[in-house]
Amino acid sequence: MVSSTDYDSYLARKTASLIRENFPDRGVTNLLIIQWGKKWARKLGHIKPLKNENKHDPNYGSIIEINSILKSNAVPEYVLDYVLMHELTHYFQGFGSNHERKGKHPHKGGLVDKELERLGWGEIMQKSEKWLKENWGQILTQNNLSPYAKKKRRKIFRILNFFG
């Protein structure tokens, strides 16, 4: 991949290239920020609306954060490409952005996977998921993270369980 000092510009250039190559008929219609996020054990990336005057506002902008572990030279570049394409698909399907929403939930009915297949990314998606299944635990261990990290429960569920 690239040296650590070039990762931010590398991520921006790679994202712009993926948009041009895979979504030529779609435009970036708000402020779109792509950046490295934290080292997460249970997620590879996410997208959300940017805050404008302390409110999430997809008309103002969107932010895509990519797991910083994916900077590792041990992670194949096609895995980073797949994660970026997954998050860009969310963006262009109206999840976390001001594009027309293509469904109620981004993963229900395989909405994202079907779009990636349609765009010709099916083989890379399968290859990436296979690599992640076989290697992610070891990568987490190398980054001092537990592959058995529990998913954080949302506060509302804790409150409901307390009263339930």
Protein backbone atom coordinates (compact mmCIF):
# COMPACT_ATOMS: atom_id res chain seq x y z
CA MET A 1 0.00 0.00 0.00
CA VAL A 2 1.48 3.41 0.96
CA SER A 3 3.52 5.05 3.69
CA SER A 4 1.63 6.21 6.77
CA THR A 5 2.24 9.89 6.01
CA ASP A 6 0.40 9.60 2.72
CA TYR A 7 -2.65 7.68 3.99
CA ASP A 8 -5.08 10.62 4.16
CA SER A 9 -4.46 11.78 0.61
CA TYR A 10 -4.34 8.16 -0.54
CA LEU A 11 -7.80 7.54 0.94
CA ALA A 12 -9.22 10.68 -0.70
CA ARG A 13 -7.72 9.84 -4.12
CA LYS A 14 -8.86 6.22 -3.93
CA THR A 15 -12.40 7.29 -3.00
CA ALA A 16 -12.58 9.83 -5.83
CA SER A 17 -11.36 7.19 -8.27
CA LEU A 18 -13.92 4.63 -7.07
CA ILE A 19 -16.72 7.19 -7.46
CA ARG A 20 -15.63 8.10 -11.01
CA GLU A 21 -15.27 4.45 -12.05
CA ASN A 22 -18.37 2.98 -10.39
CA PHE A 23 -20.88 5.79 -10.04
CA PRO A 24 -20.30 7.93 -13.18
CA ASP A 25 -24.00 8.75 -13.48
CA ARG A 26 -24.32 9.80 -9.84
CA GLY A 27 -22.93 12.94 -8.34
CA VAL A 28 -21.63 13.85 -4.93
CA THR A 29 -24.48 16.13 -3.90
CA ASN A 30 -23.31 17.36 -0.51
CA LEU A 31 -20.07 17.84 1.38
CA LEU A 32 -18.55 14.35 1.49
CA ILE A 33 -15.73 13.73 3.96
CA ILE A 34 -13.76 10.50 3.88
CA GLN A 35 -11.41 9.90 6.79
CA TRP A 36 -9.76 7.26 8.87
CA GLY A 37 -11.73 6.38 12.00
CA LYS A 38 -10.76 4.52 15.13
CA LYS A 39 -9.48 0.98 15.33
CA TRP A 40 -12.75 -0.87 15.73
CA ALA A 41 -13.00 -4.58 16.41
CA ARG A 42 -16.53 -5.02 15.05
CA LYS A 43 -16.89 -2.63 12.13
CA LEU A 44 -14.88 -1.80 9.06
CA GLY A 45 -16.47 1.54 8.32
CA HIS A 46 -19.59 3.64 8.64
CA ILE A 47 -21.38 6.58 7.11
CA LYS A 48 -23.46 9.22 8.84
CA PRO A 49 -24.75 12.72 8.16
CA LEU A 50 -22.53 15.58 9.23
CA LYS A 51 -23.66 17.84 12.02
CA ASN A 52 -24.80 21.32 11.06
CA GLU A 53 -25.61 23.54 14.02
CA ASN A 54 -25.54 20.45 16.29
CA LYS A 55 -28.06 18.50 14.17
CA HIS A 56 -27.30 15.64 11.81
CA ASP A 57 -28.09 17.10 8.40
CA PRO A 58 -27.59 14.93 5.28
CA ASN A 59 -28.28 17.96 3.08
CA TYR A 60 -25.26 19.66 4.62
CA GLY A 61 -22.86 16.75 4.36
CA SER A 62 -21.88 13.16 4.96
CA ILE A 63 -18.90 11.58 6.63
CA ILE A 64 -17.50 8.16 5.87
CA GLU A 65 -15.03 6.78 8.39
CA ILE A 66 -12.87 3.78 7.61
CA ASN A 67 -11.36 1.52 10.27
CA SER A 68 -7.73 2.59 10.78
CA ILE A 69 -6.66 -1.03 11.00
CA LEU A 70 -7.18 -1.21 7.23
CA LYS A 71 -4.01 0.92 6.87
CA SER A 72 -1.97 -2.12 7.82
CA ASN A 73 0.27 -3.59 5.13
CA ALA A 74 -1.08 -6.97 6.24
CA VAL A 75 -4.51 -6.05 4.84
CA PRO A 76 -4.86 -6.51 1.08
CA GLU A 77 -5.74 -3.39 -0.88
CA TYR A 78 -8.83 -5.07 -2.33
CA VAL A 79 -10.28 -5.28 1.21
CA LEU A 80 -9.98 -1.50 1.61
CA ASP A 81 -11.52 -1.05 -1.86
CA TYR A 82 -14.42 -3.29 -0.87
CA VAL A 83 -15.05 -1.40 2.38
CA LEU A 84 -14.96 1.95 0.56
CA MET A 85 -17.34 0.65 -2.11
CA HIS A 86 -19.67 -0.67 0.58
CA GLU A 87 -19.82 2.73 2.30
CA LEU A 88 -20.12 4.60 -1.03
CA THR A 89 -23.02 2.34 -1.94
CA HIS A 90 -24.73 3.42 1.29
CA TYR A 91 -24.06 7.03 0.30
CA PHE A 92 -25.55 6.71 -3.17
CA GLN A 93 -28.51 4.71 -1.84
CA GLY A 94 -29.43 7.61 0.44
CA PHE A 95 -28.22 6.26 3.77
CA GLY A 96 -26.31 8.98 5.60
CA SER A 97 -26.62 11.28 2.59
CA ASN A 98 -29.10 13.47 0.79
CA HIS A 99 -29.57 11.04 -2.12
CA GLU A 100 -32.97 9.45 -2.55
CA ARG A 101 -33.26 6.60 -0.07
CA LYS A 102 -33.50 3.21 -1.79
CA GLY A 103 -35.05 1.32 1.11
CA LYS A 104 -36.00 1.39 4.76
CA HIS A 105 -32.82 -0.27 6.04
CA PRO A 106 -29.49 -0.39 4.18
CA HIS A 107 -28.87 -4.11 4.68
CA LYS A 108 -32.41 -5.48 4.56
CA GLY A 109 -32.89 -7.82 1.64
CA GLY A 110 -29.23 -7.59 0.67
CA LEU A 111 -29.67 -4.08 -0.74
CA VAL A 112 -25.97 -3.18 -0.59
CA ASP A 113 -24.73 -6.60 -1.71
CA LYS A 114 -27.09 -6.60 -4.71
CA GLU A 115 -25.85 -3.17 -5.77
CA LEU A 116 -22.21 -4.24 -5.41
CA GLU A 117 -23.00 -7.32 -7.56
CA ARG A 118 -24.69 -5.11 -10.15
CA LEU A 119 -21.61 -2.89 -10.25
CA GLY A 120 -19.35 -5.90 -10.86
CA TRP A 121 -17.90 -6.12 -7.34
CA GLY A 122 -19.34 -9.53 -6.43
CA GLU A 123 -16.06 -11.41 -6.76
CA ILE A 124 -14.09 -8.80 -4.78
CA MET A 125 -16.83 -8.76 -2.14
CA GLN A 126 -16.61 -12.56 -1.72
CA LYS A 127 -12.80 -12.54 -1.77
CA SER A 128 -12.72 -9.74 0.84
CA GLU A 129 -15.23 -11.42 3.12
CA LYS A 130 -13.26 -14.69 2.90
CA TRP A 131 -10.01 -12.89 3.74
CA LEU A 132 -11.65 -11.08 6.66
CA LYS A 133 -13.14 -14.30 8.02
CA GLU A 134 -9.76 -16.03 7.88
CA ASN A 135 -7.53 -13.14 9.05
CA TRP A 136 -9.45 -10.48 10.98
CA GLY A 137 -8.98 -12.11 14.40
CA GLN A 138 -5.21 -12.21 13.94
CA ILE A 139 -5.15 -8.59 12.71
CA LEU A 140 -7.13 -7.51 15.79
CA THR A 141 -4.74 -9.36 18.08
CA GLN A 142 -1.77 -7.63 16.41
CA ASN A 143 -3.53 -4.31 17.15
CA ASN A 144 -4.16 -5.21 20.80
CA LEU A 145 -7.90 -5.60 20.26
CA SER A 146 -9.98 -8.60 21.20
CA PRO A 147 -11.59 -10.52 18.36
CA TYR A 148 -14.29 -11.34 20.92
CA ALA A 149 -15.25 -7.74 21.67
CA LYS A 150 -18.90 -7.46 22.57
CA LYS A 151 -21.11 -5.15 20.63
CA LYS A 152 -22.02 -2.12 22.70
CA ARG A 153 -25.66 -2.02 23.62
CA ARG A 154 -27.51 1.17 23.06
CA LYS A 155 -28.58 3.07 26.14
CA ILE A 156 -32.30 2.78 25.32
CA PHE A 157 -32.08 -1.03 25.46
CA ARG A 158 -30.39 -0.88 28.86
CA ILE A 159 -33.17 1.39 30.13
CA LEU A 160 -35.87 -0.87 28.70
CA ASN A 161 -34.24 -3.93 30.24
CA PHE A 162 -34.09 -2.17 33.60
CA PHE A 163 -37.84 -1.54 33.56
CA GLY A 164 -38.76 -4.76 31.77
